[in-house]
C-alpha atoms as a PDB file:
ATOM      1  CA  PHE A   1      -2.389  28.308  -6.792  1.00  0.00           C
ATOM      2  CA  LYS A   2      -4.390  25.229  -7.618  1.00  0.00           C
ATOM      3  CA  ALA A   3      -5.953  23.385  -4.714  1.00  0.00           C
ATOM      4  CA  THR A   4      -4.735  19.783  -4.604  1.00  0.00           C
ATOM      5  CA  ASP A   5      -7.509  17.202  -4.399  1.00  0.00           C
ATOM      6  CA  VAL A   6      -5.738  14.906  -1.946  1.00  0.00           C
ATOM      7  CA  PRO A   7      -8.681  12.516  -1.366  1.00  0.00           C
ATOM      8  CA  GLY A   8      -9.230  12.197  -5.115  1.00  0.00           C
ATOM      9  CA  SER A   9      -5.540  11.648  -5.766  1.00  0.00           C
ATOM     10  CA  ILE A  10      -5.375   8.912  -3.147  1.00  0.00           C
ATOM     11  CA  ALA A  11      -8.464   7.161  -4.505  1.00  0.00           C
ATOM     12  CA  LYS A  12      -7.188   7.375  -8.087  1.00  0.00           C
ATOM     13  CA  GLY A  13      -3.744   6.078  -7.110  1.00  0.00           C
ATOM     14  CA  ALA A  14      -4.970   3.003  -5.251  1.00  0.00           C
ATOM     15  CA  PRO A  15      -5.495  -0.260  -7.177  1.00  0.00           C
ATOM     16  CA  ASP A  16      -9.081  -0.935  -8.258  1.00  0.00           C
ATOM     17  CA  PHE A  17      -9.206  -4.077  -6.094  1.00  0.00           C
ATOM     18  CA  CYS A  18      -8.749  -2.016  -2.891  1.00  0.00           C
ATOM     19  CA  ASN A  19     -11.373  -0.349  -0.753  1.00  0.00           C
ATOM     20  CA  VAL A  20     -10.223   3.220  -0.119  1.00  0.00           C
ATOM     21  CA  TYR A  21     -11.207   5.342   2.868  1.00  0.00           C
ATOM     22  CA  VAL A  22      -9.773   8.835   3.236  1.00  0.00           C
ATOM     23  CA  ILE A  23     -10.257  10.107   6.788  1.00  0.00           C
ATOM     24  CA  SER A  24      -9.763  13.725   7.807  1.00  0.00           C
ATOM     25  CA  LYS A  25     -10.459  15.202  11.215  1.00  0.00           C
ATOM     26  CA  GLY A  26     -12.193  11.996  12.277  1.00  0.00           C
ATOM     27  CA  LYS A  27     -14.643  11.979   9.376  1.00  0.00           C
ATOM     28  CA  ILE A  28     -14.715  10.067   6.108  1.00  0.00           C
ATOM     29  CA  GLN A  29     -13.771  12.463   3.322  1.00  0.00           C
ATOM     30  CA  THR A  30     -13.891   9.957   0.473  1.00  0.00           C
ATOM     31  CA  MET A  31     -14.854   6.315   0.190  1.00  0.00           C
ATOM     32  CA  ARG A  32     -14.371   4.097  -2.841  1.00  0.00           C
ATOM     33  CA  SER A  33     -15.265   0.424  -2.942  1.00  0.00           C
ATOM     34  CA  ALA A  34     -13.192  -2.143  -4.775  1.00  0.00           C
ATOM     35  CA  SER A  35     -14.485  -2.791  -8.273  1.00  0.00           C
ATOM     36  CA  ARG A  36     -12.967  -6.282  -8.584  1.00  0.00           C
ATOM     37  CA  PRO A  37     -11.347  -8.932  -6.413  1.00  0.00           C
ATOM     38  CA  ALA A  38      -7.598  -8.895  -5.881  1.00  0.00           C
ATOM     39  CA  PRO A  39      -5.590 -11.009  -8.333  1.00  0.00           C
ATOM     40  CA  PRO A  40      -4.616 -14.453  -6.992  1.00  0.00           C
ATOM     41  CA  VAL A  41      -0.917 -13.657  -7.551  1.00  0.00           C
ATOM     42  CA  SER A  42       0.521 -10.167  -7.690  1.00  0.00           C
ATOM     43  CA  PRO A  43       1.893  -9.181 -11.090  1.00  0.00           C
ATOM     44  CA  LEU A  44       4.800  -7.609  -9.143  1.00  0.00           C
ATOM     45  CA  ARG A  45       5.595 -10.811  -7.210  1.00  0.00           C
ATOM     46  CA  SER A  46       8.656 -11.724  -9.264  1.00  0.00           C
ATOM     47  CA  GLN A  47      10.087  -8.207  -8.876  1.00  0.00           C
ATOM     48  CA  LEU A  48       9.516  -8.266  -5.111  1.00  0.00           C
ATOM     49  CA  LEU A  49      11.136 -11.671  -4.744  1.00  0.00           C
ATOM     50  CA  ASN A  50      14.105 -10.516  -6.790  1.00  0.00           C
ATOM     51  CA  GLN A  51      14.520  -7.391  -4.636  1.00  0.00           C
ATOM     52  CA  SER A  52      14.249  -9.362  -1.399  1.00  0.00           C
ATOM     53  CA  SER A  53      16.953 -11.809  -2.512  1.00  0.00           C
ATOM     54  CA  ILE A  54      19.248  -8.898  -3.333  1.00  0.00           C
ATOM     55  CA  LYS A  55      18.579  -7.264   0.036  1.00  0.00           C
ATOM     56  CA  SER A  56      19.036 -10.501   1.975  1.00  0.00           C
ATOM     57  CA  ASP A  57      22.644 -10.556   0.786  1.00  0.00           C
ATOM     58  CA  SER A  58      23.257  -7.248   2.562  1.00  0.00           C
ATOM     59  CA  TRP A  59      21.253  -7.708   5.760  1.00  0.00           C
ATOM     60  CA  GLU A  60      20.893  -4.541   7.804  1.00  0.00           C
ATOM     61  CA  PRO A  61      20.206  -5.320  11.492  1.00  0.00           C
ATOM     62  CA  HIS A  62      18.858  -1.828  12.245  1.00  0.00           C
ATOM     63  CA  LEU A  63      16.022  -2.494   9.790  1.00  0.00           C
ATOM     64  CA  TYR A  64      15.054  -5.803  11.403  1.00  0.00           C
ATOM     65  CA  HIS A  65      12.173  -5.769  13.865  1.00  0.00           C
ATOM     66  CA  ALA A  66      11.833  -8.921  15.935  1.00  0.00           C
ATOM     67  CA  PRO A  67       8.262 -10.072  16.547  1.00  0.00           C
ATOM     68  CA  THR A  68       6.997  -9.241  19.997  1.00  0.00           C
ATOM     69  CA  MET A  69       5.350 -11.841  22.169  1.00  0.00           C
ATOM     70  CA  LYS A  70       2.212 -10.913  24.069  1.00  0.00           C
END
C-alpha cells in the first residue's frame, strides 16, 4: 500500500491565495502561505449565483439555519 500524504494533498488542493494550516494531534503538520492575494471577484461567482437561484425555487426548510441572537 502507498501511504497517502494527506497534508500535502490538502495544501496542493487549496487555492494559491489561501493560507493553509494542517493540524494533527494539536500540532502543525504543514503550513503554506498564500502566494498571491485573493481575486477581487471569484471566477466561480456566476456559477454560484446561478445555483443559488435554482435552489431558491425549491426552498428546503430543514436546510435553513436561522441566525442566533446573543
